[in-house]
Amino acid sequence: CIRDRRRVHGGAAGGGVLGFLFPLVLFCFGGMGMGMGSDHFAVGVSTKTHFKGMKADWVNATRSAVSSSRNFAQFGFLFGGLELAIEKRRAKHDIWNPIYSGFTIGAGYGMRSGPFMAVGSGLGLSLMSAGMFWLFPM
């Protein structure tokens, strides 16, 4: 029972860390001002103004990272918990558990965009879950 809780909490913690790092990495690859609505590379801008803009962009990126971290942690917790519940109910540890939980979570997230998107999201996440189970069996 403790091992099962660790799996669910590990999914939430791992999702939170990935959700925090992902926007920051994108910010670093994109550079300052990319997609943030700022134009700090104009000719004649002083160094002081340039660093103020860079600081503002970094603050926006970290706010985005915190929000993304919460969403990824929630997803990891829901996915891990549902997979564990399905595994307990079926009394089997096979590739179908992540497929079922992936479809359910994907369809739930895609439901706001209509039934077609819900089915598409469910199928996409179930295929990704099956691939991850196949690549990294436990």
Protein backbone atom coordinates (compact mmCIF):
# COMPACT_ATOMS: atom_id res chain seq x y z
CA CYS A 1 0.00 0.00 0.00
CA ILE A 2 2.90 2.39 0.79
CA ARG A 3 4.56 1.48 -2.51
CA ASP A 4 1.37 2.33 -4.37
CA ARG A 5 1.10 5.76 -2.74
CA ARG A 6 4.71 6.43 -3.62
CA ARG A 7 3.95 5.72 -7.27
CA VAL A 8 1.08 8.20 -7.31
CA HIS A 9 2.98 10.88 -5.40
CA GLY A 10 6.04 10.26 -7.56
CA GLY A 11 3.96 10.90 -10.66
CA ALA A 12 2.72 14.16 -9.20
CA ALA A 13 6.20 15.25 -8.11
CA GLY A 14 7.78 14.28 -11.41
CA GLY A 15 5.05 16.07 -13.32
CA GLY A 16 5.53 19.18 -11.19
CA VAL A 17 9.27 19.27 -11.79
CA LEU A 18 8.89 18.71 -15.53
CA GLY A 19 6.13 21.29 -15.70
CA PHE A 20 8.36 23.84 -13.98
CA LEU A 21 11.44 23.18 -16.11
CA PHE A 22 9.72 22.96 -19.49
CA PRO A 23 8.69 26.66 -19.82
CA LEU A 24 12.06 27.82 -18.49
CA VAL A 25 13.93 25.75 -21.08
CA LEU A 26 11.68 27.13 -23.80
CA PHE A 27 12.38 30.63 -22.53
CA CYS A 28 16.13 30.02 -22.64
CA PHE A 29 15.98 28.66 -26.18
CA GLY A 30 13.68 31.45 -27.32
CA GLY A 31 15.76 34.19 -25.79
CA MET A 32 14.60 37.36 -24.20
CA GLY A 33 11.51 38.93 -25.66
CA MET A 34 10.42 35.97 -27.76
CA GLY A 35 6.68 35.70 -27.47
CA MET A 36 6.55 37.93 -24.40
CA GLY A 37 5.41 41.03 -26.25
CA SER A 38 8.53 43.09 -25.59
CA ASP A 39 10.86 44.85 -27.99
CA HIS A 40 14.05 45.38 -26.00
CA PHE A 41 16.35 44.97 -28.99
CA ALA A 42 15.53 48.39 -30.45
CA VAL A 43 18.45 50.55 -31.53
CA GLY A 44 19.48 53.12 -28.94
CA VAL A 45 18.08 51.30 -25.90
CA SER A 46 20.36 51.73 -22.92
CA THR A 47 21.83 48.80 -21.03
CA LYS A 48 19.78 49.66 -17.95
CA THR A 49 16.53 49.51 -19.95
CA HIS A 50 17.69 46.31 -21.62
CA PHE A 51 18.24 44.55 -18.27
CA LYS A 52 14.92 45.83 -16.90
CA GLY A 53 13.19 44.24 -19.86
CA MET A 54 15.16 41.03 -19.43
CA LYS A 55 14.20 40.90 -15.75
CA ALA A 56 10.53 41.47 -16.59
CA ASP A 57 10.65 38.67 -19.17
CA TRP A 58 12.28 36.32 -16.66
CA VAL A 59 9.60 37.10 -14.06
CA ASN A 60 6.89 36.34 -16.62
CA ALA A 61 8.62 33.08 -17.56
CA THR A 62 8.85 31.93 -13.93
CA ARG A 63 5.17 32.76 -13.36
CA SER A 64 4.34 30.67 -16.38
CA ALA A 65 6.57 27.88 -15.05
CA VAL A 66 4.77 27.83 -11.68
CA SER A 67 1.38 27.62 -13.39
CA SER A 68 2.61 24.88 -15.72
CA SER A 69 4.09 23.01 -12.77
CA ARG A 70 0.70 22.90 -11.04
CA ASN A 71 -0.98 21.60 -14.20
CA PHE A 72 1.64 18.90 -14.82
CA ALA A 73 1.53 17.81 -11.16
CA GLN A 74 -2.25 17.53 -11.29
CA PHE A 75 -2.01 15.49 -14.48
CA GLY A 76 0.65 13.18 -12.99
CA PHE A 77 -1.39 12.67 -9.84
CA LEU A 78 -4.61 11.90 -11.74
CA PHE A 79 -2.88 9.59 -14.21
CA GLY A 80 -0.98 7.69 -11.51
CA GLY A 81 -4.01 7.38 -9.26
CA LEU A 82 -6.29 6.19 -12.02
CA GLU A 83 -3.72 3.72 -13.31
CA LEU A 84 -3.29 2.36 -9.79
CA ALA A 85 -7.06 2.05 -9.30
CA ILE A 86 -7.42 0.21 -12.62
CA GLU A 87 -4.52 -2.08 -11.73
CA LYS A 88 -6.09 -2.91 -8.36
CA ARG A 89 -9.49 -3.51 -9.92
CA ARG A 90 -8.17 -5.75 -12.71
CA ALA A 91 -5.54 -7.43 -10.48
CA LYS A 92 -3.10 -7.36 -13.40
CA HIS A 93 0.00 -5.35 -14.22
CA ASP A 94 0.05 -5.15 -18.00
CA ILE A 95 0.02 -2.63 -20.84
CA TRP A 96 -3.76 -2.14 -20.70
CA ASN A 97 -3.71 -0.25 -17.39
CA PRO A 98 -1.89 2.81 -18.76
CA ILE A 99 -3.93 2.60 -21.97
CA TYR A 100 -7.22 2.78 -20.07
CA SER A 101 -6.05 5.52 -17.73
CA GLY A 102 -4.47 7.49 -20.59
CA PHE A 103 -7.68 7.38 -22.59
CA THR A 104 -9.79 8.41 -19.61
CA ILE A 105 -7.55 11.33 -18.60
CA GLY A 106 -7.06 12.45 -22.22
CA ALA A 107 -10.78 12.35 -22.94
CA GLY A 108 -11.47 14.26 -19.73
CA TYR A 109 -9.04 17.02 -20.67
CA GLY A 110 -10.32 17.17 -24.25
CA MET A 111 -14.00 17.21 -23.29
CA ARG A 112 -14.24 21.02 -23.29
CA SER A 113 -13.45 21.12 -27.00
CA GLY A 114 -16.18 18.68 -27.95
CA PRO A 115 -16.59 14.93 -28.35
CA PHE A 116 -14.32 14.61 -31.39
CA MET A 117 -11.44 16.30 -29.57
CA ALA A 118 -12.14 14.23 -26.45
CA VAL A 119 -11.80 10.97 -28.39
CA GLY A 120 -8.72 12.25 -30.22
CA SER A 121 -7.06 13.37 -26.98
CA GLY A 122 -7.93 10.08 -25.33
CA LEU A 123 -6.48 8.06 -28.19
CA GLY A 124 -3.34 10.19 -28.33
CA LEU A 125 -2.66 9.94 -24.62
CA SER A 126 -3.42 6.22 -24.53
CA LEU A 127 -0.97 5.60 -27.39
CA MET A 128 1.67 7.68 -25.65
CA SER A 129 1.06 5.79 -22.40
CA ALA A 130 1.34 2.44 -24.17
CA GLY A 131 4.59 3.57 -25.78
CA MET A 132 6.03 4.66 -22.44
CA PHE A 133 5.00 1.35 -20.85
CA TRP A 134 6.59 -0.53 -23.73
CA LEU A 135 9.83 1.50 -23.56
CA PHE A 136 10.12 1.49 -19.76
CA PRO A 137 8.41 -1.61 -18.36
CA MET A 138 8.23 -1.84 -14.58
